[in-house]
N, C-alpha and C. Protein backbone atom coordinates (compact mmCIF):
# COMPACT_ATOMS: atom_id res chain seq x y z
N MET A 1 57.57 -55.55 11.85
CA MET A 1 56.60 -54.89 12.85
C MET A 1 55.71 -53.84 12.10
N ARG A 2 56.45 -52.99 11.29
CA ARG A 2 55.80 -51.86 10.67
C ARG A 2 54.67 -52.42 9.64
N ARG A 3 55.10 -53.52 8.95
CA ARG A 3 54.12 -54.02 7.97
C ARG A 3 52.94 -54.69 8.69
N ALA A 4 53.07 -55.36 9.84
CA ALA A 4 51.89 -55.77 10.59
C ALA A 4 51.00 -54.72 11.00
N THR A 5 51.62 -53.59 11.44
CA THR A 5 50.77 -52.42 11.93
C THR A 5 49.94 -51.90 10.75
N THR A 6 50.58 -51.80 9.55
CA THR A 6 49.94 -51.26 8.42
C THR A 6 48.69 -52.12 8.05
N TRP A 7 48.87 -53.50 8.01
CA TRP A 7 47.83 -54.41 7.70
C TRP A 7 46.68 -54.29 8.79
N ALA A 8 47.09 -54.08 9.99
CA ALA A 8 46.01 -53.98 11.00
C ALA A 8 45.23 -52.76 10.81
N ALA A 9 45.85 -51.68 10.39
CA ALA A 9 45.10 -50.41 10.10
C ALA A 9 44.08 -50.50 8.95
N VAL A 10 44.65 -51.35 7.84
CA VAL A 10 43.73 -51.54 6.72
C VAL A 10 42.53 -52.35 7.13
N ALA A 11 42.79 -53.37 7.96
CA ALA A 11 41.65 -54.24 8.43
C ALA A 11 40.65 -53.49 9.13
N VAL A 12 41.11 -52.47 10.00
CA VAL A 12 40.16 -51.64 10.82
C VAL A 12 39.38 -50.83 9.85
N LEU A 13 39.97 -50.22 8.88
CA LEU A 13 39.23 -49.34 7.88
C LEU A 13 38.27 -50.17 7.15
N LEU A 14 38.60 -51.30 6.64
CA LEU A 14 37.62 -52.21 5.86
C LEU A 14 36.54 -52.54 6.82
N ALA A 15 36.74 -52.84 7.95
CA ALA A 15 35.66 -53.20 8.88
C ALA A 15 34.78 -52.00 9.09
N ALA A 16 35.27 -50.84 9.20
CA ALA A 16 34.44 -49.68 9.34
C ALA A 16 33.54 -49.34 8.18
N CYS A 17 34.08 -49.72 7.01
CA CYS A 17 33.30 -49.44 5.71
C CYS A 17 32.36 -50.67 5.31
N SER A 18 32.31 -51.69 6.12
CA SER A 18 31.57 -52.94 5.71
C SER A 18 30.09 -52.56 5.55
N PRO A 19 29.29 -53.34 4.75
CA PRO A 19 27.91 -53.00 4.57
C PRO A 19 27.11 -53.05 5.86
N ALA A 20 27.57 -53.88 6.80
CA ALA A 20 26.76 -54.00 7.98
C ALA A 20 26.67 -52.68 8.80
N ASP A 21 27.82 -51.89 8.64
CA ASP A 21 27.90 -50.61 9.27
C ASP A 21 27.65 -49.40 8.33
N GLY A 22 27.19 -49.62 7.10
CA GLY A 22 27.00 -48.63 6.13
C GLY A 22 25.86 -47.69 6.52
N PRO A 23 25.44 -46.86 5.43
CA PRO A 23 24.35 -45.91 5.71
C PRO A 23 23.13 -46.66 6.04
N PRO A 24 22.21 -46.01 6.83
CA PRO A 24 20.98 -46.66 7.28
C PRO A 24 20.13 -47.02 6.02
N GLN A 25 19.52 -48.08 6.04
CA GLN A 25 18.70 -48.45 4.88
C GLN A 25 17.15 -47.96 5.16
N ALA A 26 16.54 -47.45 4.09
CA ALA A 26 15.15 -47.06 4.18
C ALA A 26 14.21 -48.25 4.41
N THR A 27 13.30 -48.07 5.27
CA THR A 27 12.27 -49.09 5.45
C THR A 27 10.92 -48.61 4.97
N ASN A 28 10.35 -49.26 3.99
CA ASN A 28 9.01 -48.88 3.55
C ASN A 28 9.10 -47.34 3.03
N GLY A 29 10.18 -46.99 2.48
CA GLY A 29 10.36 -45.49 1.96
C GLY A 29 10.57 -44.53 3.01
N VAL A 30 10.80 -44.95 4.26
CA VAL A 30 11.08 -43.99 5.35
C VAL A 30 12.41 -44.22 5.93
N ASP A 31 13.22 -43.11 6.00
CA ASP A 31 14.65 -43.22 6.54
C ASP A 31 14.45 -43.09 8.04
N SER A 32 14.70 -44.18 8.76
CA SER A 32 14.43 -44.19 10.16
C SER A 32 15.43 -43.19 10.86
N GLU A 33 16.67 -43.11 10.49
CA GLU A 33 17.52 -42.20 11.11
C GLU A 33 17.11 -40.80 10.89
N ALA A 34 16.71 -40.39 9.66
CA ALA A 34 16.22 -39.07 9.43
C ALA A 34 15.00 -38.76 10.21
N GLY A 35 14.05 -39.82 10.40
CA GLY A 35 12.91 -39.59 11.28
C GLY A 35 13.28 -39.41 12.66
N ASP A 36 14.34 -40.10 13.23
CA ASP A 36 14.77 -39.90 14.53
C ASP A 36 15.35 -38.39 14.73
N PHE A 37 16.08 -38.08 13.71
CA PHE A 37 16.70 -36.70 13.72
C PHE A 37 15.63 -35.65 13.78
N SER A 38 14.54 -35.79 12.94
CA SER A 38 13.48 -34.82 12.82
C SER A 38 12.74 -34.66 14.22
N ALA A 39 12.51 -35.91 14.79
CA ALA A 39 11.88 -35.78 16.10
C ALA A 39 12.70 -35.22 17.20
N GLU A 40 14.08 -35.48 17.15
CA GLU A 40 14.94 -34.87 18.07
C GLU A 40 14.97 -33.38 17.96
N LEU A 41 15.01 -32.88 16.64
CA LEU A 41 15.04 -31.50 16.41
C LEU A 41 13.72 -30.80 16.90
N ALA A 42 12.65 -31.47 16.64
CA ALA A 42 11.38 -30.84 17.09
C ALA A 42 11.31 -30.70 18.53
N ALA A 43 11.97 -31.70 19.22
CA ALA A 43 11.92 -31.73 20.64
C ALA A 43 12.79 -30.61 21.30
N ASN A 44 13.86 -30.32 20.62
CA ASN A 44 14.90 -29.50 21.19
C ASN A 44 14.98 -28.11 20.47
N ALA A 45 14.22 -27.89 19.48
CA ALA A 45 14.35 -26.57 18.78
C ALA A 45 13.81 -25.41 19.64
N PRO A 46 14.38 -24.37 19.66
CA PRO A 46 13.91 -23.16 20.45
C PRO A 46 12.56 -22.68 19.87
N ALA A 47 11.74 -21.97 20.77
CA ALA A 47 10.49 -21.36 20.33
C ALA A 47 10.74 -20.28 19.38
N SER A 48 11.87 -19.65 19.48
CA SER A 48 12.22 -18.52 18.57
C SER A 48 13.66 -18.54 18.27
N PHE A 49 14.08 -18.13 17.08
CA PHE A 49 15.45 -18.16 16.68
C PHE A 49 16.12 -16.81 16.98
N GLY A 50 15.38 -15.84 17.41
CA GLY A 50 15.96 -14.58 17.79
C GLY A 50 16.35 -13.63 16.73
N PHE A 51 15.87 -13.74 15.50
CA PHE A 51 16.16 -12.87 14.55
C PHE A 51 14.89 -12.28 13.77
N GLY A 52 15.00 -11.19 13.08
CA GLY A 52 13.85 -10.60 12.54
C GLY A 52 13.13 -9.66 13.54
N ALA A 53 12.07 -8.95 13.14
CA ALA A 53 11.36 -8.09 14.02
C ALA A 53 9.94 -8.00 13.49
N TYR A 54 9.03 -7.63 14.47
CA TYR A 54 7.68 -7.43 14.04
C TYR A 54 7.41 -6.37 13.09
N ALA A 55 6.51 -6.69 12.16
CA ALA A 55 6.16 -5.56 11.24
C ALA A 55 5.21 -4.59 11.76
N THR A 56 5.88 -3.67 12.62
CA THR A 56 5.14 -2.58 13.23
C THR A 56 4.75 -1.55 12.19
N ASN A 57 3.78 -0.65 12.59
CA ASN A 57 3.34 0.37 11.67
C ASN A 57 4.50 1.28 11.34
N ALA A 58 5.39 1.53 12.27
CA ALA A 58 6.54 2.40 11.96
C ALA A 58 7.47 1.70 10.90
N ARG A 59 7.66 0.38 11.08
CA ARG A 59 8.49 -0.26 10.13
C ARG A 59 7.89 -0.36 8.69
N ILE A 60 6.55 -0.61 8.74
CA ILE A 60 5.88 -0.62 7.36
C ILE A 60 5.93 0.82 6.71
N ALA A 61 5.78 1.78 7.56
CA ALA A 61 5.86 3.22 7.01
C ALA A 61 7.15 3.47 6.32
N MET A 62 8.30 2.85 6.82
CA MET A 62 9.56 3.02 6.24
C MET A 62 9.63 2.55 4.82
N TRP A 63 8.91 1.47 4.54
CA TRP A 63 8.94 0.95 3.17
C TRP A 63 7.80 1.43 2.37
N ASP A 64 6.71 1.89 2.87
CA ASP A 64 5.50 2.32 2.20
C ASP A 64 5.80 3.84 1.63
N ILE A 65 6.61 3.88 0.66
CA ILE A 65 7.01 5.23 0.24
C ILE A 65 6.59 5.47 -1.24
N ASP A 66 5.65 4.68 -1.77
CA ASP A 66 5.33 4.91 -3.19
C ASP A 66 4.69 6.20 -3.45
N VAL A 67 5.04 6.78 -4.53
CA VAL A 67 4.42 8.10 -4.97
C VAL A 67 3.59 7.79 -6.23
N LYS A 68 2.29 8.19 -6.10
CA LYS A 68 1.37 7.97 -7.26
C LYS A 68 1.37 9.05 -8.23
N PRO A 69 0.83 8.88 -9.38
CA PRO A 69 0.90 9.81 -10.42
C PRO A 69 0.27 11.09 -10.05
N ASP A 70 -0.78 11.08 -9.15
CA ASP A 70 -1.45 12.37 -8.76
C ASP A 70 -0.56 13.05 -7.66
N GLY A 71 0.48 12.53 -7.19
CA GLY A 71 1.31 13.13 -6.20
C GLY A 71 1.04 12.62 -4.77
N GLU A 72 0.08 11.73 -4.63
CA GLU A 72 -0.08 11.16 -3.30
C GLU A 72 1.13 10.38 -2.90
N GLY A 73 1.61 10.62 -1.67
CA GLY A 73 2.77 9.98 -1.22
C GLY A 73 4.02 10.83 -1.25
N LEU A 74 3.98 12.09 -1.96
CA LEU A 74 5.13 12.90 -1.99
C LEU A 74 5.39 13.45 -0.46
N PRO A 75 6.68 13.45 -0.06
CA PRO A 75 7.09 13.92 1.33
C PRO A 75 7.04 15.45 1.38
N VAL A 76 7.22 15.82 2.59
CA VAL A 76 7.38 17.33 2.86
C VAL A 76 8.84 17.62 2.47
N GLY A 77 8.94 18.78 1.94
CA GLY A 77 10.37 19.21 1.50
C GLY A 77 10.24 20.00 0.28
N SER A 78 11.43 20.42 -0.20
CA SER A 78 11.51 21.24 -1.41
C SER A 78 12.88 21.31 -1.86
N GLY A 79 13.06 21.64 -3.18
CA GLY A 79 14.38 21.78 -3.79
C GLY A 79 14.30 22.66 -5.02
N SER A 80 15.27 23.38 -5.23
CA SER A 80 15.38 24.41 -6.38
C SER A 80 16.32 23.81 -7.45
N VAL A 81 16.23 24.40 -8.69
CA VAL A 81 17.03 24.02 -9.80
C VAL A 81 18.55 24.34 -9.47
N SER A 82 18.71 25.33 -8.90
CA SER A 82 20.17 25.64 -8.57
C SER A 82 20.75 24.68 -7.51
N GLU A 83 19.99 24.31 -6.53
CA GLU A 83 20.44 23.29 -5.51
C GLU A 83 20.61 21.90 -6.22
N GLY A 84 19.63 21.65 -7.17
CA GLY A 84 19.70 20.38 -7.83
C GLY A 84 20.93 20.22 -8.71
N LYS A 85 21.36 21.35 -9.30
CA LYS A 85 22.63 21.27 -10.07
C LYS A 85 23.78 20.81 -9.29
N ARG A 86 23.86 21.23 -8.06
CA ARG A 86 24.96 20.79 -7.16
C ARG A 86 24.82 19.30 -6.78
N VAL A 87 23.54 18.83 -6.57
CA VAL A 87 23.35 17.49 -6.27
C VAL A 87 23.69 16.61 -7.50
N TYR A 88 23.27 17.13 -8.67
CA TYR A 88 23.54 16.35 -9.96
C TYR A 88 25.10 16.25 -10.10
N GLU A 89 25.79 17.35 -9.92
CA GLU A 89 27.29 17.35 -10.17
C GLU A 89 28.01 16.38 -9.13
N MET A 90 27.41 16.20 -8.03
CA MET A 90 28.01 15.42 -6.95
C MET A 90 27.72 13.83 -7.14
N TYR A 91 26.43 13.59 -7.44
CA TYR A 91 25.96 12.20 -7.49
C TYR A 91 25.56 11.58 -8.81
N CYS A 92 25.33 12.42 -9.76
CA CYS A 92 24.73 11.91 -11.05
C CYS A 92 25.62 12.08 -12.33
N ILE A 93 26.53 12.96 -12.31
CA ILE A 93 27.26 13.30 -13.47
C ILE A 93 28.05 12.19 -14.07
N ALA A 94 28.56 11.31 -13.17
CA ALA A 94 29.43 10.23 -13.72
C ALA A 94 28.70 9.28 -14.62
N CYS A 95 27.40 9.04 -14.33
CA CYS A 95 26.66 8.18 -15.24
C CYS A 95 25.87 8.90 -16.34
N HIS A 96 25.46 10.08 -16.06
CA HIS A 96 24.53 10.73 -17.01
C HIS A 96 25.13 11.83 -17.76
N GLY A 97 26.46 12.25 -17.46
CA GLY A 97 27.14 13.14 -18.31
C GLY A 97 26.93 14.54 -17.81
N PRO A 98 27.76 15.58 -18.22
CA PRO A 98 27.62 16.95 -17.85
C PRO A 98 26.37 17.62 -18.16
N THR A 99 25.73 17.17 -19.39
CA THR A 99 24.45 17.85 -19.69
C THR A 99 23.28 16.92 -19.64
N GLY A 100 23.42 15.74 -19.30
CA GLY A 100 22.29 14.76 -19.15
C GLY A 100 21.87 14.10 -20.46
N THR A 101 22.70 14.43 -21.40
CA THR A 101 22.35 13.93 -22.87
C THR A 101 23.40 12.80 -23.31
N GLU A 102 24.47 12.60 -22.45
CA GLU A 102 25.44 11.63 -22.87
C GLU A 102 24.95 10.25 -22.64
N GLY A 103 25.30 9.38 -23.53
CA GLY A 103 24.96 7.93 -23.32
C GLY A 103 23.63 7.54 -23.76
N PRO A 104 23.46 6.59 -24.57
CA PRO A 104 22.10 6.19 -25.14
C PRO A 104 21.26 5.53 -23.98
N ASN A 105 21.76 4.87 -23.08
CA ASN A 105 20.96 4.13 -22.07
C ASN A 105 20.72 4.97 -20.84
N ASP A 106 21.50 5.91 -20.52
CA ASP A 106 21.44 6.77 -19.31
C ASP A 106 21.04 8.26 -19.63
N ARG A 107 20.45 8.40 -20.75
CA ARG A 107 20.09 9.82 -21.13
C ARG A 107 18.95 10.35 -20.35
N LEU A 108 19.12 11.61 -19.81
CA LEU A 108 18.08 12.18 -19.00
C LEU A 108 17.39 13.23 -19.79
N ALA A 109 18.15 14.07 -20.58
CA ALA A 109 17.56 15.11 -21.20
C ALA A 109 17.27 14.77 -22.69
N ALA A 110 15.93 14.92 -23.13
CA ALA A 110 15.61 14.60 -24.45
C ALA A 110 14.28 15.29 -24.75
N THR A 111 14.27 15.99 -25.93
CA THR A 111 12.95 16.60 -26.26
C THR A 111 12.50 16.18 -27.62
N ASP A 112 13.13 15.09 -28.26
CA ASP A 112 12.65 14.58 -29.51
C ASP A 112 11.31 14.16 -29.48
N GLU A 113 10.48 14.49 -30.48
CA GLU A 113 9.16 14.01 -30.64
C GLU A 113 9.10 12.39 -30.87
N TRP A 114 7.99 11.75 -30.61
CA TRP A 114 7.75 10.36 -30.81
C TRP A 114 7.41 10.06 -32.18
N GLU A 115 7.53 10.85 -33.16
CA GLU A 115 6.88 10.49 -34.48
C GLU A 115 7.70 9.35 -35.12
N GLN A 116 8.86 9.15 -34.72
CA GLN A 116 9.64 7.98 -35.28
C GLN A 116 10.19 7.20 -34.15
N TRP A 117 10.34 5.95 -34.42
CA TRP A 117 10.88 5.01 -33.41
C TRP A 117 11.95 4.15 -34.02
N PRO A 118 13.09 3.93 -33.33
CA PRO A 118 13.39 4.43 -31.97
C PRO A 118 13.64 5.84 -31.88
N VAL A 119 13.47 6.49 -30.79
CA VAL A 119 13.73 7.82 -30.55
C VAL A 119 14.58 7.91 -29.30
N ALA A 120 15.44 8.95 -29.24
CA ALA A 120 16.30 9.15 -28.11
C ALA A 120 15.41 9.45 -26.89
N ARG A 121 15.22 8.43 -26.04
CA ARG A 121 14.32 8.50 -24.96
C ARG A 121 14.93 9.28 -23.75
N GLY A 122 14.27 10.16 -23.11
CA GLY A 122 14.79 10.87 -21.92
C GLY A 122 13.60 11.21 -21.11
N VAL A 123 13.84 12.05 -20.02
CA VAL A 123 12.72 12.36 -19.13
C VAL A 123 11.75 13.27 -19.89
N GLY A 124 12.37 14.22 -20.77
CA GLY A 124 11.45 15.17 -21.33
C GLY A 124 10.46 14.67 -22.37
N ASN A 125 10.80 13.58 -23.04
CA ASN A 125 9.96 13.07 -24.02
C ASN A 125 9.43 11.69 -23.82
N TYR A 126 9.64 11.12 -22.61
CA TYR A 126 9.28 9.82 -22.41
C TYR A 126 8.57 9.52 -21.06
N TRP A 127 8.98 10.27 -20.02
CA TRP A 127 8.43 10.03 -18.70
C TRP A 127 7.04 10.65 -18.62
N PRO A 128 6.04 9.84 -18.22
CA PRO A 128 4.66 10.33 -18.26
C PRO A 128 4.20 11.26 -17.15
N TYR A 129 4.81 11.07 -15.91
CA TYR A 129 4.48 11.90 -14.79
C TYR A 129 5.68 12.33 -14.01
N ALA A 130 5.76 13.52 -13.74
CA ALA A 130 6.91 14.08 -12.92
C ALA A 130 6.95 13.52 -11.45
N THR A 131 5.75 13.11 -11.00
CA THR A 131 5.66 12.64 -9.57
C THR A 131 6.29 11.32 -9.54
N THR A 132 6.09 10.43 -10.60
CA THR A 132 6.62 9.11 -10.44
C THR A 132 8.20 9.17 -10.77
N LEU A 133 8.62 10.29 -11.32
CA LEU A 133 10.09 10.40 -11.46
C LEU A 133 10.66 10.58 -10.09
N TYR A 134 9.99 11.22 -9.28
CA TYR A 134 10.36 11.38 -7.80
C TYR A 134 10.48 9.98 -7.20
N ASP A 135 9.44 9.16 -7.48
CA ASP A 135 9.29 7.81 -6.79
C ASP A 135 10.51 7.03 -7.28
N TYR A 136 10.90 7.10 -8.59
CA TYR A 136 11.97 6.35 -9.01
C TYR A 136 13.30 6.73 -8.51
N VAL A 137 13.52 8.10 -8.60
CA VAL A 137 14.81 8.58 -8.19
C VAL A 137 15.05 8.30 -6.60
N ARG A 138 13.99 8.45 -5.79
CA ARG A 138 14.13 8.16 -4.38
C ARG A 138 14.53 6.80 -4.11
N LYS A 139 13.99 5.80 -4.94
CA LYS A 139 14.28 4.39 -4.65
C LYS A 139 15.55 3.85 -5.36
N ALA A 140 15.83 4.38 -6.40
CA ALA A 140 16.85 3.69 -7.23
C ALA A 140 18.14 4.57 -7.44
N MET A 141 18.13 5.71 -7.15
CA MET A 141 19.31 6.64 -7.41
C MET A 141 19.88 7.19 -6.10
N PRO A 142 21.17 7.54 -6.12
CA PRO A 142 22.22 7.23 -7.16
C PRO A 142 22.57 5.70 -7.26
N GLN A 143 23.01 5.27 -8.31
CA GLN A 143 23.08 3.79 -8.58
C GLN A 143 23.99 3.13 -7.58
N ASN A 144 24.96 3.74 -7.06
CA ASN A 144 25.80 3.10 -6.09
C ASN A 144 25.38 3.22 -4.60
N ALA A 145 24.36 4.03 -4.44
CA ALA A 145 23.81 4.15 -3.04
C ALA A 145 22.37 4.56 -3.16
N PRO A 146 21.42 3.73 -3.74
CA PRO A 146 20.13 4.10 -3.81
C PRO A 146 19.39 4.45 -2.56
N GLY A 147 18.62 5.52 -2.53
CA GLY A 147 17.83 5.85 -1.42
C GLY A 147 18.67 6.69 -0.35
N SER A 148 19.90 7.08 -0.77
CA SER A 148 20.70 7.88 0.13
C SER A 148 20.51 9.33 0.15
N LEU A 149 19.82 9.79 -0.85
CA LEU A 149 19.56 11.30 -0.95
C LEU A 149 18.42 11.67 0.01
N SER A 150 18.45 12.88 0.54
CA SER A 150 17.29 13.39 1.45
C SER A 150 16.10 13.78 0.60
N ASP A 151 15.09 13.92 1.14
CA ASP A 151 13.84 14.42 0.36
C ASP A 151 14.10 15.64 -0.35
N ASP A 152 14.78 16.62 0.35
CA ASP A 152 15.14 17.84 -0.32
C ASP A 152 16.01 17.78 -1.53
N GLN A 153 17.02 16.85 -1.30
CA GLN A 153 17.92 16.60 -2.49
C GLN A 153 17.20 15.92 -3.71
N ASN A 154 16.28 15.14 -3.36
CA ASN A 154 15.43 14.54 -4.42
C ASN A 154 14.67 15.52 -5.23
N TYR A 155 14.01 16.37 -4.49
CA TYR A 155 13.20 17.43 -5.10
C TYR A 155 14.11 18.33 -6.00
N ALA A 156 15.32 18.59 -5.32
CA ALA A 156 16.20 19.53 -6.12
C ALA A 156 16.78 18.92 -7.36
N VAL A 157 17.18 17.67 -7.29
CA VAL A 157 17.81 17.06 -8.46
C VAL A 157 16.72 16.87 -9.63
N ILE A 158 15.45 16.51 -9.14
CA ILE A 158 14.44 16.39 -10.12
C ILE A 158 14.15 17.81 -10.79
N ALA A 159 14.15 18.81 -9.95
CA ALA A 159 14.01 20.21 -10.55
C ALA A 159 15.05 20.47 -11.62
N TYR A 160 16.26 20.10 -11.30
CA TYR A 160 17.35 20.30 -12.33
C TYR A 160 17.16 19.48 -13.53
N VAL A 161 16.80 18.30 -13.37
CA VAL A 161 16.60 17.36 -14.53
C VAL A 161 15.41 17.93 -15.41
N LEU A 162 14.34 18.43 -14.73
CA LEU A 162 13.21 18.96 -15.52
C LEU A 162 13.66 20.25 -16.27
N ASN A 163 14.52 20.97 -15.48
CA ASN A 163 15.15 22.20 -16.18
C ASN A 163 15.96 21.85 -17.43
N LEU A 164 16.71 20.91 -17.40
CA LEU A 164 17.52 20.37 -18.52
C LEU A 164 16.62 20.00 -19.68
N ASN A 165 15.33 19.58 -19.35
CA ASN A 165 14.49 19.18 -20.43
C ASN A 165 13.47 20.31 -20.88
N GLY A 166 13.83 21.52 -20.37
CA GLY A 166 12.95 22.64 -20.71
C GLY A 166 11.49 22.68 -20.09
N LEU A 167 11.38 21.96 -18.97
CA LEU A 167 10.01 21.81 -18.31
C LEU A 167 9.93 22.59 -17.07
N LEU A 168 11.01 23.20 -16.61
CA LEU A 168 10.93 24.02 -15.44
C LEU A 168 11.99 25.14 -15.47
N ALA A 169 11.51 26.37 -15.14
CA ALA A 169 12.40 27.47 -15.24
C ALA A 169 13.59 27.40 -14.36
N GLY A 170 14.66 28.15 -14.60
CA GLY A 170 15.90 28.20 -13.92
C GLY A 170 15.74 28.54 -12.45
N ASP A 171 14.68 29.35 -12.13
CA ASP A 171 14.46 29.72 -10.78
C ASP A 171 13.30 28.96 -10.12
N GLY A 172 13.06 27.81 -10.78
CA GLY A 172 11.98 26.97 -10.29
C GLY A 172 12.24 26.23 -8.98
N VAL A 173 11.22 25.97 -8.21
CA VAL A 173 11.32 25.14 -7.00
C VAL A 173 10.25 24.16 -6.86
N LEU A 174 10.61 22.97 -6.54
CA LEU A 174 9.62 21.91 -6.50
C LEU A 174 9.32 21.44 -5.12
N ASP A 175 8.05 21.20 -4.83
CA ASP A 175 7.67 20.54 -3.52
C ASP A 175 6.37 19.69 -3.85
N ALA A 176 5.76 19.21 -2.81
CA ALA A 176 4.61 18.35 -3.03
C ALA A 176 3.47 18.95 -3.66
N SER A 177 3.44 20.33 -3.75
CA SER A 177 2.35 20.99 -4.39
C SER A 177 2.66 21.32 -5.94
N SER A 178 3.89 21.75 -6.17
CA SER A 178 4.29 22.15 -7.43
C SER A 178 4.69 21.01 -8.44
N LEU A 179 5.15 19.93 -7.84
CA LEU A 179 5.68 18.77 -8.66
C LEU A 179 4.44 18.20 -9.39
N PRO A 180 3.29 17.91 -8.77
CA PRO A 180 2.23 17.25 -9.51
C PRO A 180 1.65 18.20 -10.57
N ALA A 181 1.88 19.50 -10.50
CA ALA A 181 1.29 20.47 -11.41
C ALA A 181 1.96 20.47 -12.81
N ILE A 182 3.17 19.85 -12.84
CA ILE A 182 3.97 19.81 -14.11
C ILE A 182 3.34 18.79 -15.00
N ARG A 183 2.99 19.11 -16.18
CA ARG A 183 2.43 18.20 -17.10
C ARG A 183 3.42 17.78 -18.11
N MET A 184 3.82 16.47 -18.10
CA MET A 184 4.88 15.98 -18.94
C MET A 184 4.37 15.74 -20.31
N PRO A 185 5.15 16.05 -21.32
CA PRO A 185 4.77 15.99 -22.71
C PRO A 185 4.29 14.56 -23.13
N ALA A 186 4.79 13.52 -22.52
CA ALA A 186 4.50 12.17 -22.92
C ALA A 186 3.29 11.59 -22.19
N ARG A 187 2.61 12.46 -21.34
CA ARG A 187 1.57 11.84 -20.53
C ARG A 187 0.51 11.08 -21.45
N ASP A 188 0.05 11.66 -22.46
CA ASP A 188 -0.97 11.08 -23.30
C ASP A 188 -0.44 9.94 -24.21
N ARG A 189 0.85 9.66 -24.20
CA ARG A 189 1.47 8.63 -24.90
C ARG A 189 1.20 7.24 -24.26
N PHE A 190 0.78 7.22 -23.05
CA PHE A 190 0.64 6.05 -22.24
C PHE A 190 -0.82 5.69 -21.96
N VAL A 191 -1.13 4.40 -21.92
CA VAL A 191 -2.53 4.02 -21.63
C VAL A 191 -2.54 3.33 -20.18
N ALA A 192 -3.51 3.78 -19.43
CA ALA A 192 -3.56 3.23 -18.14
C ALA A 192 -3.90 1.70 -18.09
N ASP A 193 -3.25 0.95 -17.30
CA ASP A 193 -3.47 -0.46 -17.20
C ASP A 193 -4.64 -0.68 -16.14
N ASP A 194 -5.87 -0.92 -16.73
CA ASP A 194 -6.94 -1.09 -15.86
C ASP A 194 -7.44 -2.57 -15.80
N ARG A 195 -6.47 -3.41 -16.06
CA ARG A 195 -6.85 -4.79 -16.03
C ARG A 195 -7.12 -5.26 -14.54
N VAL A 196 -8.10 -6.16 -14.36
CA VAL A 196 -8.42 -6.76 -13.05
C VAL A 196 -8.40 -8.19 -13.08
N GLY A 197 -7.40 -8.85 -12.59
CA GLY A 197 -7.29 -10.27 -12.59
C GLY A 197 -7.08 -10.90 -13.92
N GLY A 198 -6.70 -12.18 -13.91
CA GLY A 198 -6.52 -12.91 -15.16
C GLY A 198 -5.30 -12.46 -16.03
N PRO A 199 -5.02 -13.19 -17.01
CA PRO A 199 -3.75 -12.91 -17.90
C PRO A 199 -4.06 -12.04 -19.05
N GLU A 200 -5.32 -11.60 -19.26
CA GLU A 200 -5.65 -10.83 -20.45
C GLU A 200 -4.79 -9.65 -20.65
N ILE A 201 -4.46 -9.31 -21.98
CA ILE A 201 -3.66 -8.18 -22.27
C ILE A 201 -4.52 -7.28 -23.25
N ARG A 202 -4.51 -5.98 -23.00
CA ARG A 202 -5.22 -5.14 -23.87
C ARG A 202 -4.23 -4.31 -24.68
């Protein structure tokens, strides 16, 4: 009895897998079943899937935070060197070291001239604009939580980094007016990219 039941089950499985009941065959390059499914989906799909949001002016402003070399885009706020030291010790020291000179890839403080290459690159001898340093720090630092510092904390930590590079006095304070006034030593080492369209490289 058990053997008969087994053979009956095998027969059912073979019948289910027979070519007559196999996958639908394409006709003239068109899968009829896929076409039916697309039509059904189009007929029953909702007008909206209920996720996302309109790009309102307020939402765009949240992302439109670029700071240009001339300082356009810098936010309201301020920060001192002494305040920046505390921010640095809390959020930056693990990667950049106690003095900002530790590590060849994460070095912040460097005043070596560019007369030879490679040179120990850091903020003091490589970064062309102090304003774009703010732009970078606000968007990318600290590494484990980018964008988490307040505007005042960003001003403060940049003040401290500039102080480490000998570019800002120990009692210095940065804001949207004083930061663009700092002339970085490497400014003239860079050439403005004024290309307009096309793949040409100058």
